[in-house]
């Protein structure tokens, strides 16, 4: 078949039209349909979303003293697509030397296919500036610096269990750093930046940007001056008695504000990577103990509040030994008739058991729960436990005689402090607080934590009766004469509980000794608790709460009263028998 010239020309034109139509369709396909996809691929080569980290909020004590702050640092990162592979060895040598990193590890990271590689975090600004200058002089591309900050704790180990710490991503891990993380962490920002072929930012092409919002400041109820007093005394106690664990708490009963909280063992917040797990536990809220005789305040409160007895009602204490439910119950001394007040003063187990019997199983259990045992206190600290309080239906025949003296129950040191604070506060239970307020950098209040009354546990009259009885504990005839402070009346209660064996029963010769009390007794300014687990003494007869924990409380209370500028009673300034006991014990050290 022969085509003439016109036919051939037409076919050529049709061919060109088809070809250009195909090109046009491809162009439309790429520019319109595939535009976003290919633009994204191109951006990945040159555009980088740079995070702008928010500054974490400060943590301060009640007086404004900074407890946790930020120090600017930089993170050294690499973009492997911008690295000159021919000069990789040179870059590895420089970075290894300046960042104190293993060369083999660096070479592996820089030789990977990943575009974003973190080489080292928390590089001080001076070191980062020096490295930046050397990279520029040697014309080594692909290494970048991101502004960041690291958390610094100016007081080292002080308040370590309360403050807590953060991880590399600035997330709170323990303490207030964790519980108040939503306020402290702020909101990170970002900016999109574009690099040229040399890896340098093209400022004119800087894209979308969102500024960060720094975190809020958290103010604690803790007073660092009182905390320092507590820390010094708990350290002295550890040196003297070498306990396995120790806890001291100071609290303002009217508001629930925790003024000081310390535990041993402890750790340095700035060197937390070397701390052992047992050092990092806030034992004030996560340790469970049998409280011993300090729990008798609950027993007496129940009997007095239910009008079963009066403070001067006498109870026969069986001359030191009483069989109940087929098991003997002993007192540390042989007592006959004791008033309810003297049951507390002398710490009679038999007297406390008979008080609980007068109230009855169910009612006694209700009072235990009303004092807050068996549930978390609600303090703003993570990890708090509720303790163990069994209901009456699971009690044994002798439980009604053992629980009143602080056996068969598991409580935390903070729960015991709150119970004593309830008596000091006229019978009203207040939720304990460790956080006072949250503010912005400009001083605007974001959140304020006011006292939260929970319930009226006992009447004001009952609380006053108990307070009067507990004054006798800290007297010449009580179990805590060594807890006295010249010039002040103190109401308190001792505790000496044999340590519970985790495998069942009790550990022979090991005790948890404690003292909890408040000062001044007639208008309490603070409640204190001292607990030592397995204190070592030269003589077994010295291993009692009144002889070990009592003097520690006295030293703390005396210094705290002086700091708070509390006015002593002139008629109480003369040396007392309690003071002589304390002096005698001090002379033995």
Protein backbone atom coordinates (compact mmCIF):
# COMPACT_ATOMS: atom_id res chain seq x y z
CA UNK A 1 0.00 0.00 0.00
CA UNK A 2 1.41 3.35 -1.03
CA UNK A 3 0.74 6.49 1.01
CA UNK A 4 0.90 9.82 -0.63
CA UNK A 5 2.64 12.78 0.94
CA UNK A 6 -0.51 14.20 2.47
CA UNK A 7 -1.27 10.96 4.29
CA UNK A 8 2.24 10.68 5.65
CA UNK A 9 2.12 14.24 6.84
CA UNK A 10 -1.16 13.62 8.62
CA UNK A 11 0.24 10.52 10.34
CA UNK A 12 3.29 12.42 11.52
CA UNK A 13 1.08 15.17 12.94
CA UNK A 14 -1.08 12.63 14.71
CA UNK A 15 2.05 11.02 16.14
CA UNK A 16 3.33 14.35 17.46
CA UNK A 17 -0.09 15.14 18.94
CA UNK A 18 -0.15 11.75 20.69
CA UNK A 19 3.41 12.22 21.95
CA UNK A 20 2.81 15.71 23.28
CA UNK A 21 -0.53 14.58 24.75
CA UNK A 22 1.30 11.84 26.63
CA UNK A 23 3.89 14.35 27.87
CA UNK A 24 1.10 16.76 28.84
CA UNK A 25 -0.77 14.05 30.68
CA UNK A 26 2.43 13.03 32.50
CA UNK A 27 3.10 16.66 33.41
CA UNK A 28 -0.42 17.13 34.74
CA UNK A 29 -0.11 13.83 36.64
CA UNK A 30 3.15 14.90 38.27
CA UNK A 31 2.19 18.52 38.95
CA UNK A 32 -1.34 17.98 40.22
CA UNK A 33 -1.94 14.40 41.23
CA UNK A 34 1.53 13.48 42.55
CA UNK A 35 2.58 16.98 43.63
CA UNK A 36 2.26 16.47 47.39
CA UNK A 37 4.02 13.11 47.30
CA UNK A 38 7.05 14.29 45.35
CA UNK A 39 7.18 17.60 47.17
CA UNK A 40 7.36 15.64 50.40
CA UNK A 41 10.19 13.49 49.04
CA UNK A 42 12.07 16.60 48.00
CA UNK A 43 11.50 18.21 51.37
CA UNK A 44 12.92 15.16 53.09
CA UNK A 45 16.18 15.84 51.31
CA UNK A 46 16.43 19.50 52.25
CA UNK A 47 13.77 20.42 54.84
CA UNK A 48 14.13 19.45 58.51
CA UNK A 49 11.61 19.88 61.31
CA UNK A 50 13.72 21.23 64.15
CA UNK A 51 12.20 20.84 67.64
CA UNK A 52 12.34 23.85 69.96
CA UNK A 53 12.27 22.43 73.45
CA UNK A 54 10.23 24.10 76.16
CA UNK A 55 12.04 24.98 79.36
CA UNK A 56 10.90 22.78 82.25
CA UNK A 57 9.40 24.71 85.12
CA UNK A 58 11.33 25.35 88.31
CA UNK A 59 10.57 23.65 91.63
CA UNK A 60 10.90 25.85 94.71
CA UNK A 61 10.29 25.50 98.43
CA UNK A 62 7.76 27.52 100.44
CA UNK A 63 10.18 30.46 100.75
CA UNK A 64 11.08 30.56 97.05
CA UNK A 65 14.39 28.70 97.34
CA UNK A 66 15.03 26.90 94.05
CA UNK A 67 15.14 23.10 94.39
CA UNK A 68 15.26 22.11 90.70
CA UNK A 69 16.33 24.26 87.76
CA UNK A 70 17.56 23.98 84.18
CA UNK A 71 21.04 24.49 82.72
CA UNK A 72 21.38 25.06 78.93
CA UNK A 73 23.13 22.23 77.06
CA UNK A 74 23.19 21.07 73.45
CA UNK A 75 22.54 17.77 71.70
CA UNK A 76 24.98 16.88 68.92
CA UNK A 77 23.25 15.18 65.98
CA UNK A 78 24.24 14.14 62.47
CA UNK A 79 22.43 14.20 59.12
CA UNK A 80 24.14 11.36 57.25
CA UNK A 81 22.84 12.61 53.88
CA UNK A 82 24.97 15.75 54.29
CA UNK A 83 28.15 13.97 55.37
CA UNK A 84 31.11 13.82 53.03
CA UNK A 85 31.76 10.09 52.95
CA UNK A 86 35.31 10.63 51.71
CA UNK A 87 36.12 12.57 54.89
CA UNK A 88 34.21 10.28 57.27
CA UNK A 89 37.35 9.13 59.06
CA UNK A 90 38.36 12.73 59.71
CA UNK A 91 34.92 13.52 61.16
CA UNK A 92 35.00 10.41 63.35
CA UNK A 93 38.43 11.32 64.73
CA UNK A 94 37.35 14.86 65.64
CA UNK A 95 34.02 13.87 67.17
CA UNK A 96 35.53 10.98 69.12
CA UNK A 97 38.13 13.27 70.65
CA UNK A 98 35.86 16.22 71.42
CA UNK A 99 32.82 14.25 72.64
CA UNK A 100 34.80 11.51 74.41
CA UNK A 101 33.05 8.76 72.45
CA UNK A 102 34.31 5.45 71.09
CA UNK A 103 35.51 5.82 67.49
CA UNK A 104 34.09 2.47 66.37
CA UNK A 105 30.65 3.33 67.74
CA UNK A 106 30.75 6.73 66.04
CA UNK A 107 31.81 5.25 62.70
CA UNK A 108 28.91 2.80 62.84
CA UNK A 109 26.40 5.57 63.55
CA UNK A 110 27.72 7.93 60.88
CA UNK A 111 27.96 5.16 58.31
CA UNK A 112 24.31 4.14 58.71
CA UNK A 113 21.48 4.99 56.32
CA UNK A 114 19.59 6.97 58.95
CA UNK A 115 19.37 10.69 58.30
CA UNK A 116 18.92 11.73 61.93
CA UNK A 117 21.45 10.29 64.36
CA UNK A 118 21.89 11.47 67.95
CA UNK A 119 25.60 11.43 68.77
CA UNK A 120 25.60 12.82 72.32
CA UNK A 121 23.16 14.55 74.63
CA UNK A 122 23.73 17.11 77.38
CA UNK A 123 26.91 18.59 75.93
CA UNK A 124 27.86 21.77 77.84
CA UNK A 125 27.55 24.92 75.75
CA UNK A 126 31.27 25.70 76.03
CA UNK A 127 32.16 22.26 74.66
CA UNK A 128 29.54 22.57 71.91
CA UNK A 129 30.89 25.99 70.87
CA UNK A 130 34.44 24.61 70.69
CA UNK A 131 33.31 21.65 68.56
CA UNK A 132 31.27 23.92 66.30
CA UNK A 133 34.31 26.11 65.62
CA UNK A 134 36.55 23.12 64.79
CA UNK A 135 33.95 21.65 62.42
CA UNK A 136 33.79 25.00 60.64
CA UNK A 137 37.58 25.27 60.36
CA UNK A 138 37.89 21.78 58.94
CA UNK A 139 34.85 22.31 56.69
CA UNK A 140 33.15 19.15 57.93
CA UNK A 141 29.46 19.17 57.09
CA UNK A 142 26.45 17.22 58.35
CA UNK A 143 26.94 17.76 62.10
CA UNK A 144 24.31 19.91 63.83
CA UNK A 145 23.51 21.18 67.32
CA UNK A 146 20.12 21.32 69.02
CA UNK A 147 19.51 23.55 72.00
CA UNK A 148 18.38 21.66 75.06
CA UNK A 149 18.63 21.80 78.84
CA UNK A 150 19.50 19.47 81.68
CA UNK A 151 17.95 19.34 85.13
CA UNK A 152 20.13 20.44 88.04
CA UNK A 153 19.31 19.94 91.74
CA UNK A 154 21.30 22.50 93.77
CA UNK A 155 20.91 20.66 97.08
CA UNK A 156 22.08 17.24 95.94
CA UNK A 157 20.47 14.55 98.09
CA UNK A 158 18.34 16.89 100.19
CA UNK A 159 14.63 16.24 99.59
CA UNK A 160 15.58 13.66 96.95
CA UNK A 161 12.54 11.45 97.55
CA UNK A 162 10.16 14.42 97.42
CA UNK A 163 11.57 16.21 94.38
CA UNK A 164 12.26 13.18 92.17
CA UNK A 165 14.00 13.51 88.79
CA UNK A 166 13.51 13.41 85.00
CA UNK A 167 14.70 11.22 82.14
CA UNK A 168 16.49 12.27 78.92
CA UNK A 169 13.16 13.28 77.38
CA UNK A 170 12.47 15.63 80.31
CA UNK A 171 9.66 13.45 81.61
CA UNK A 172 9.19 13.28 85.38
CA UNK A 173 10.09 9.87 86.82
CA UNK A 174 9.70 10.14 90.59
CA UNK A 175 8.51 12.56 93.25
CA UNK A 176 7.00 15.92 92.40
CA UNK A 177 8.78 15.83 89.04
CA UNK A 178 6.44 12.96 88.14
CA UNK A 179 3.23 13.92 89.97
CA UNK A 180 3.30 17.52 88.68
CA UNK A 181 4.73 16.69 85.26
CA UNK A 182 1.75 18.11 83.37
CA UNK A 183 2.49 21.54 84.87
CA UNK A 184 6.29 21.36 84.75
CA UNK A 185 6.97 20.04 81.25
CA UNK A 186 5.51 22.88 79.16
CA UNK A 187 4.83 22.49 75.42
CA UNK A 188 7.60 22.05 72.87
CA UNK A 189 7.67 24.18 69.73
CA UNK A 190 9.19 23.53 66.28
CA UNK A 191 10.40 25.18 63.10
CA UNK A 192 10.87 23.89 59.55
CA UNK A 193 14.28 24.77 58.15
CA UNK A 194 15.78 24.12 54.69
CA UNK A 195 19.41 23.31 54.02
CA UNK A 196 21.45 23.95 50.89
CA UNK A 197 23.78 21.34 49.36
CA UNK A 198 26.47 22.37 51.83
CA UNK A 199 24.18 21.60 54.74
CA UNK A 200 23.73 25.23 55.75
CA UNK A 201 20.32 26.66 56.62
CA UNK A 202 18.65 28.84 53.99
CA UNK A 203 17.16 31.43 56.33
CA UNK A 204 14.98 32.98 53.63
CA UNK A 205 13.23 29.63 53.16
CA UNK A 206 12.55 29.06 56.85
CA UNK A 207 9.07 27.59 57.07
CA UNK A 208 6.31 27.28 59.63
CA UNK A 209 7.33 27.89 63.23
CA UNK A 210 5.63 27.47 66.61
CA UNK A 211 7.17 28.98 69.70
CA UNK A 212 7.43 26.77 72.80
CA UNK A 213 5.59 27.41 76.05
CA UNK A 214 7.82 26.94 79.06
CA UNK A 215 6.60 24.87 82.00
CA UNK A 216 5.04 26.37 85.10
CA UNK A 217 6.79 26.75 88.43
CA UNK A 218 5.78 24.42 91.26
CA UNK A 219 6.07 25.70 94.84
CA UNK A 220 6.21 23.14 97.64
CA UNK A 221 4.95 23.42 101.21
CA UNK A 222 8.38 22.27 102.43
CA UNK A 223 10.53 24.86 104.17
CA UNK A 224 14.17 24.21 103.28
CA UNK A 225 15.35 25.53 106.65
CA UNK A 226 13.20 22.98 108.50
CA UNK A 227 14.21 20.32 106.00
CA UNK A 228 17.86 21.06 106.75
CA UNK A 229 17.21 20.59 110.48
CA UNK A 230 15.52 17.25 109.82
CA UNK A 231 18.24 16.06 107.41
CA UNK A 232 21.01 16.86 109.88
CA UNK A 233 19.28 15.04 112.73
CA UNK A 234 18.37 11.98 110.70
CA UNK A 235 22.01 11.77 109.55
CA UNK A 236 23.14 11.97 113.17
CA UNK A 237 20.69 9.19 114.09
CA UNK A 238 21.99 6.99 111.28
CA UNK A 239 25.57 7.49 112.46
CA UNK A 240 24.61 6.65 116.05
CA UNK A 241 22.18 3.76 115.60
CA UNK A 242 22.91 2.40 112.07
CA UNK A 243 19.24 1.59 111.34
CA UNK A 244 18.26 -0.30 108.23
CA UNK A 245 15.82 2.51 107.38
CA UNK A 246 14.73 5.81 108.91
CA UNK A 247 12.00 8.37 108.27
CA UNK A 248 11.23 11.80 109.73
CA UNK A 249 8.18 13.93 108.86
CA UNK A 250 7.11 17.39 110.01
CA UNK A 251 3.58 18.57 109.23
CA UNK A 252 1.36 21.55 110.05
CA UNK A 253 -1.86 19.99 111.44
CA UNK A 254 -4.27 22.82 110.64
CA UNK A 255 -3.47 22.91 106.92
CA UNK A 256 -1.97 19.49 106.18
CA UNK A 257 1.18 21.16 104.82
CA UNK A 258 4.23 18.92 104.99
CA UNK A 259 7.07 21.09 106.26
CA UNK A 260 9.83 18.50 105.97
CA UNK A 261 10.17 14.89 104.87
CA UNK A 262 13.36 12.82 104.89
CA UNK A 263 14.26 9.15 104.50
CA UNK A 264 17.37 7.10 104.79
CA UNK A 265 18.93 5.60 102.77
CA UNK A 266 18.97 8.43 100.22
CA UNK A 267 20.80 9.39 97.02
CA UNK A 268 22.18 12.41 95.14
CA UNK A 269 19.70 13.62 92.53
CA UNK A 270 22.57 14.81 90.32
CA UNK A 271 24.16 11.34 90.37
CA UNK A 272 21.04 9.21 90.26
CA UNK A 273 22.51 6.78 87.72
CA UNK A 274 24.69 5.37 90.50
CA UNK A 275 21.85 5.02 93.03
CA UNK A 276 20.58 1.63 94.12
CA UNK A 277 16.83 0.89 94.06
CA UNK A 278 16.57 0.77 97.86
CA UNK A 279 18.04 4.28 98.05
CA UNK A 280 15.37 5.73 95.78
CA UNK A 281 12.28 4.69 97.75
CA UNK A 282 10.22 7.34 99.52
CA UNK A 283 9.65 5.20 102.58
CA UNK A 284 7.34 7.79 104.14
CA UNK A 285 4.62 6.73 101.71
CA UNK A 286 5.57 3.33 100.31
CA UNK A 287 6.90 1.48 103.37
CA UNK A 288 4.42 -0.48 105.45
CA UNK A 289 5.07 -1.11 109.13
CA UNK A 290 3.31 -2.30 112.24
CA UNK A 291 3.12 0.96 114.18
CA UNK A 292 3.23 -0.52 117.66
CA UNK A 293 2.04 1.56 120.59
CA UNK A 294 1.65 4.80 118.63
CA UNK A 295 -1.54 3.15 117.35
CA UNK A 296 -3.00 3.28 120.87
CA UNK A 297 -4.07 6.87 120.17
CA UNK A 298 -6.70 5.40 117.82
CA UNK A 299 -7.83 2.90 120.44
CA UNK A 300 -8.19 5.52 123.17
CA UNK A 301 -9.88 7.94 120.76
CA UNK A 302 -12.54 5.34 119.88
CA UNK A 303 -13.34 4.50 123.51
CA UNK A 304 -13.46 8.14 124.64
CA UNK A 305 -15.46 9.34 121.63
CA UNK A 306 -18.01 6.55 122.09
CA UNK A 307 -18.36 7.59 125.76
CA UNK A 308 -17.44 4.10 126.91
CA UNK A 309 -14.91 5.60 129.31
CA UNK A 310 -13.68 8.92 130.64
CA UNK A 311 -10.02 9.93 130.98
CA UNK A 312 -10.15 9.13 134.69
CA UNK A 313 -11.95 5.77 134.30
CA UNK A 314 -9.80 3.02 135.82
CA UNK A 315 -9.19 -0.34 134.18
CA UNK A 316 -7.59 -3.37 135.77
CA UNK A 317 -4.46 -4.29 133.80
CA UNK A 318 -4.08 -7.78 135.24
CA UNK A 319 -0.70 -7.14 136.88
CA UNK A 320 1.13 -7.47 133.56
CA UNK A 321 -0.26 -10.74 132.15
CA UNK A 322 -3.71 -11.48 130.74
CA UNK A 323 -4.96 -14.60 128.98
CA UNK A 324 -7.46 -13.88 126.21
CA UNK A 325 -8.58 -16.27 123.50
CA UNK A 326 -6.18 -18.88 124.78
CA UNK A 327 -3.15 -16.63 124.32
CA UNK A 328 -1.30 -14.50 126.90
CA UNK A 329 -0.97 -10.73 126.48
CA UNK A 330 1.86 -9.02 128.36
CA UNK A 331 2.74 -5.51 129.50
CA UNK A 332 6.35 -4.38 129.77
CA UNK A 333 5.66 -3.81 133.49
CA UNK A 334 3.13 -5.23 135.96
CA UNK A 335 0.28 -2.73 136.26
CA UNK A 336 -2.85 -3.07 138.39
CA UNK A 337 -5.50 -0.34 138.13
CA UNK A 338 -4.71 2.33 135.52
CA UNK A 339 -6.81 5.25 134.40
CA UNK A 340 -7.44 5.63 130.67
CA UNK A 341 -5.00 8.51 130.69
CA UNK A 342 -2.34 6.37 132.37
CA UNK A 343 -2.91 3.55 129.89
CA UNK A 344 -1.48 5.95 127.31
CA UNK A 345 1.16 7.39 129.64
CA UNK A 346 2.41 3.94 130.68
CA UNK A 347 1.62 2.38 127.26
CA UNK A 348 -0.25 -0.60 128.66
CA UNK A 349 -1.07 -3.25 126.06
CA UNK A 350 -3.65 -4.90 128.31
CA UNK A 351 -5.35 -1.59 129.06
CA UNK A 352 -5.54 -0.77 125.32
CA UNK A 353 -6.98 -4.20 124.57
CA UNK A 354 -9.73 -3.73 127.14
CA UNK A 355 -10.54 -0.29 125.72
CA UNK A 356 -11.02 -1.84 122.28
CA UNK A 357 -13.20 -4.58 123.74
CA UNK A 358 -15.46 -1.96 125.29
CA UNK A 359 -15.99 -0.46 121.83
CA UNK A 360 -16.47 -3.72 119.92
CA UNK A 361 -14.94 -5.16 116.75
CA UNK A 362 -17.02 -3.33 114.13
CA UNK A 363 -17.03 0.07 115.79
CA UNK A 364 -13.29 -0.11 116.49
CA UNK A 365 -12.67 -0.98 112.83
CA UNK A 366 -14.76 2.02 111.78
CA UNK A 367 -12.61 4.36 113.85
CA UNK A 368 -9.44 2.89 112.35
CA UNK A 369 -10.79 3.67 108.90
CA UNK A 370 -12.04 7.11 109.96
CA UNK A 371 -8.48 8.04 110.95
CA UNK A 372 -7.47 7.31 107.35
CA UNK A 373 -5.79 3.94 107.73
CA UNK A 374 -6.35 1.51 104.91
CA UNK A 375 -6.48 4.20 102.21
CA UNK A 376 -4.05 6.58 100.53
CA UNK A 377 -3.72 9.97 102.18
CA UNK A 378 -3.92 11.79 98.83
CA UNK A 379 -0.59 13.59 99.10
CA UNK A 380 0.77 14.81 95.72
CA UNK A 381 3.48 12.16 95.50
CA UNK A 382 3.50 9.07 93.27
CA UNK A 383 3.61 5.50 94.52
CA UNK A 384 1.74 5.94 97.78
CA UNK A 385 0.27 2.74 99.20
CA UNK A 386 -2.89 2.31 101.26
CA UNK A 387 -1.51 -0.08 103.87
CA UNK A 388 -3.37 -3.13 105.17
CA UNK A 389 -6.40 -2.98 107.49
CA UNK A 390 -8.39 -6.20 107.56
CA UNK A 391 -12.16 -6.08 108.19
CA UNK A 392 -13.51 -7.69 111.40
CA UNK A 393 -14.84 -10.76 109.60
CA UNK A 394 -11.24 -11.78 108.85
CA UNK A 395 -9.96 -11.18 112.40
CA UNK A 396 -8.91 -14.02 114.65
CA UNK A 397 -10.19 -14.49 118.19
CA UNK A 398 -7.32 -12.45 119.60
CA UNK A 399 -7.18 -9.71 116.94
CA UNK A 400 -9.34 -7.38 119.03
CA UNK A 401 -6.57 -7.47 121.68
CA UNK A 402 -3.59 -7.20 119.28
CA UNK A 403 -4.71 -4.52 116.85
CA UNK A 404 -5.22 -1.93 119.66
CA UNK A 405 -1.48 -2.02 120.39
CA UNK A 406 -0.52 -1.69 116.71
CA UNK A 407 -0.14 -5.32 115.67
CA UNK A 408 -1.86 -7.03 112.71
CA UNK A 409 -2.09 -3.72 110.82
CA UNK A 410 0.14 -2.22 108.14
CA UNK A 411 0.44 1.56 108.00
CA UNK A 412 2.76 4.08 106.35
CA UNK A 413 4.73 6.70 108.31
CA UNK A 414 2.68 9.45 106.66
CA UNK A 415 -0.61 7.80 107.70
CA UNK A 416 0.62 7.70 111.30
CA UNK A 417 1.61 11.37 111.11
CA UNK A 418 -1.82 12.29 109.75
CA UNK A 419 -3.53 10.39 112.59
CA UNK A 420 -1.59 12.35 115.22
CA UNK A 421 -2.22 15.57 113.29
CA UNK A 422 -5.95 14.82 113.46
CA UNK A 423 -5.80 14.88 117.26
CA UNK A 424 -3.68 18.04 117.19
CA UNK A 425 -6.25 19.64 114.88
CA UNK A 426 -9.22 19.16 117.21
CA UNK A 427 -10.28 15.85 115.72
CA UNK A 428 -10.51 17.07 112.10
CA UNK A 429 -8.67 15.07 109.43
CA UNK A 430 -6.95 17.18 106.76
CA UNK A 431 -5.50 15.81 103.52
CA UNK A 432 -1.71 16.17 103.67
CA UNK A 433 -0.17 18.49 101.07
CA UNK A 434 3.36 18.72 99.65
CA UNK A 435 2.51 21.19 96.82
CA UNK A 436 1.47 24.71 97.72
CA UNK A 437 0.85 26.34 94.32
CA UNK A 438 1.67 26.41 90.61
CA UNK A 439 2.58 29.73 88.98
CA UNK A 440 3.60 31.02 85.56
CA UNK A 441 6.90 32.80 84.98
CA UNK A 442 5.14 36.17 85.30
CA UNK A 443 3.81 35.23 88.75
CA UNK A 444 0.26 34.46 87.66
CA UNK A 445 -1.28 31.69 89.78
CA UNK A 446 -2.22 28.66 87.69
CA UNK A 447 -3.31 26.39 90.54
CA UNK A 448 -3.45 26.72 94.31
CA UNK A 449 -3.74 23.79 96.69
CA UNK A 450 -5.75 24.87 99.71
CA UNK A 451 -6.36 22.74 102.85
CA UNK A 452 -8.87 19.99 102.20
CA UNK A 453 -10.80 18.86 105.32
CA UNK A 454 -11.83 15.23 104.97
CA UNK A 455 -14.02 14.61 108.03
CA UNK A 456 -14.45 15.20 111.74
CA UNK A 457 -13.02 11.95 113.07
CA UNK A 458 -13.59 12.59 116.78
CA UNK A 459 -15.16 15.46 118.70
CA UNK A 460 -13.17 18.48 119.80
CA UNK A 461 -13.70 17.42 123.43
CA UNK A 462 -12.27 13.95 122.76
CA UNK A 463 -9.28 15.47 120.95
CA UNK A 464 -8.60 17.73 123.93
CA UNK A 465 -8.87 14.81 126.33
CA UNK A 466 -6.38 12.85 124.27
CA UNK A 467 -4.04 15.82 124.00
CA UNK A 468 -4.04 16.22 127.78
CA UNK A 469 -3.33 12.51 128.25
CA UNK A 470 -0.52 12.55 125.68
CA UNK A 471 1.21 15.35 127.56
CA UNK A 472 1.76 12.88 130.35
CA UNK A 473 3.66 10.60 127.96
CA UNK A 474 6.32 13.32 127.63
CA UNK A 475 6.83 13.70 131.37
CA UNK A 476 8.82 12.19 134.19
CA UNK A 477 6.28 9.41 134.61
CA UNK A 478 5.74 8.67 130.90
CA UNK A 479 7.54 6.55 128.32
CA UNK A 480 8.94 9.56 126.43
CA UNK A 481 10.54 11.76 129.08
CA UNK A 482 13.52 12.18 126.73
CA UNK A 483 11.28 13.81 124.10
CA UNK A 484 10.72 16.91 126.27
CA UNK A 485 11.81 20.36 125.07
CA UNK A 486 12.53 23.03 127.66
CA UNK A 487 9.98 25.81 127.53
CA UNK A 488 7.28 23.87 125.69
CA UNK A 489 4.54 21.36 126.42
CA UNK A 490 4.62 18.37 124.11
CA UNK A 491 1.94 15.77 123.51
CA UNK A 492 3.16 12.54 122.01
CA UNK A 493 3.23 8.77 121.91
CA UNK A 494 6.01 6.21 121.69
CA UNK A 495 6.05 3.04 119.65
CA UNK A 496 8.21 -0.09 119.88
CA UNK A 497 7.12 -2.85 117.50
CA UNK A 498 8.94 -6.09 116.84
CA UNK A 499 9.82 -6.33 113.14
CA UNK A 500 7.55 -8.49 111.03
CA UNK A 501 9.33 -11.38 109.33
CA UNK A 502 8.38 -11.47 105.61
CA UNK A 503 8.19 -15.26 105.90
CA UNK A 504 5.81 -15.11 108.86
CA UNK A 505 5.98 -14.23 112.53
CA UNK A 506 8.43 -11.69 113.95
CA UNK A 507 12.20 -11.24 113.80
CA UNK A 508 13.86 -11.84 117.14
CA UNK A 509 15.72 -8.84 118.56
CA UNK A 510 14.74 -6.46 115.75
CA UNK A 511 12.36 -3.57 116.34
CA UNK A 512 10.80 -0.56 114.64
CA UNK A 513 10.98 2.26 117.17
CA UNK A 514 9.08 5.51 116.77
CA UNK A 515 7.80 8.66 118.38
CA UNK A 516 5.10 10.99 117.13
CA UNK A 517 4.00 14.17 118.83
CA UNK A 518 3.10 17.84 118.47
CA UNK A 519 4.30 21.14 119.89
CA UNK A 520 3.10 23.26 121.65
CA UNK A 521 0.47 20.91 123.04
CA UNK A 522 -2.11 23.65 123.68
CA UNK A 523 -1.87 25.24 120.19
CA UNK A 524 0.14 22.94 117.93
CA UNK A 525 2.39 24.52 115.30
CA UNK A 526 3.71 21.25 113.92
CA UNK A 527 3.41 17.49 114.26
CA UNK A 528 6.49 15.31 113.99
CA UNK A 529 7.18 11.63 113.45
CA UNK A 530 10.49 9.81 113.88
CA UNK A 531 10.81 6.16 112.80
CA UNK A 532 13.94 4.00 112.94
CA UNK A 533 13.88 0.45 111.58
CA UNK A 534 16.23 -1.99 113.32
CA UNK A 535 18.27 0.53 115.32
CA UNK A 536 21.44 -0.91 116.82
CA UNK A 537 21.95 -0.28 120.54
CA UNK A 538 24.65 -1.45 122.93
CA UNK A 539 22.04 -2.75 125.38
CA UNK A 540 18.72 -4.43 124.46
CA UNK A 541 16.88 -2.53 127.21
CA UNK A 542 17.62 0.74 125.37
CA UNK A 543 15.81 -0.34 122.20
CA UNK A 544 12.58 1.56 122.86
CA UNK A 545 10.87 4.36 121.02
CA UNK A 546 11.06 6.66 124.02
CA UNK A 547 14.83 6.22 124.40
CA UNK A 548 15.82 6.31 120.71
CA UNK A 549 13.19 8.17 118.66
CA UNK A 550 12.13 10.47 121.52
CA UNK A 551 15.46 12.34 121.85
CA UNK A 552 15.70 12.72 118.07
CA UNK A 553 12.25 14.33 118.05
CA UNK A 554 13.29 16.60 120.92
CA UNK A 555 16.34 17.91 119.06
CA UNK A 556 14.34 18.50 115.89
CA UNK A 557 11.46 20.14 117.78
CA UNK A 558 13.77 22.45 119.73
CA UNK A 559 15.50 23.72 116.59
CA UNK A 560 12.24 23.96 114.65
CA UNK A 561 10.60 25.96 117.44
CA UNK A 562 13.54 28.34 117.47
CA UNK A 563 13.39 28.77 113.67
CA UNK A 564 9.62 29.34 113.74
CA UNK A 565 10.15 31.89 116.53
CA UNK A 566 7.76 30.14 118.91
CA UNK A 567 7.62 31.73 122.33
CA UNK A 568 8.51 29.33 125.18
CA UNK A 569 6.71 29.30 128.50
CA UNK A 570 9.05 30.84 131.11
CA UNK A 571 7.88 28.45 133.82
CA UNK A 572 8.82 25.47 131.64
CA UNK A 573 12.35 26.59 130.83
CA UNK A 574 13.84 25.11 134.01
CA UNK A 575 15.60 21.77 133.50
CA UNK A 576 13.14 18.92 133.88
CA UNK A 577 13.59 15.26 134.56
CA UNK A 578 12.93 14.72 130.88
CA UNK A 579 15.75 17.09 130.08
CA UNK A 580 18.04 15.25 132.46
CA UNK A 581 17.22 11.97 130.73
CA UNK A 582 18.02 13.52 127.37
CA UNK A 583 21.30 14.89 128.70
CA UNK A 584 22.24 11.51 130.13
CA UNK A 585 21.55 9.80 126.82
CA UNK A 586 23.51 12.48 124.96
CA UNK A 587 26.49 11.94 127.26
CA UNK A 588 26.55 8.26 126.29
CA UNK A 589 27.17 9.05 122.64
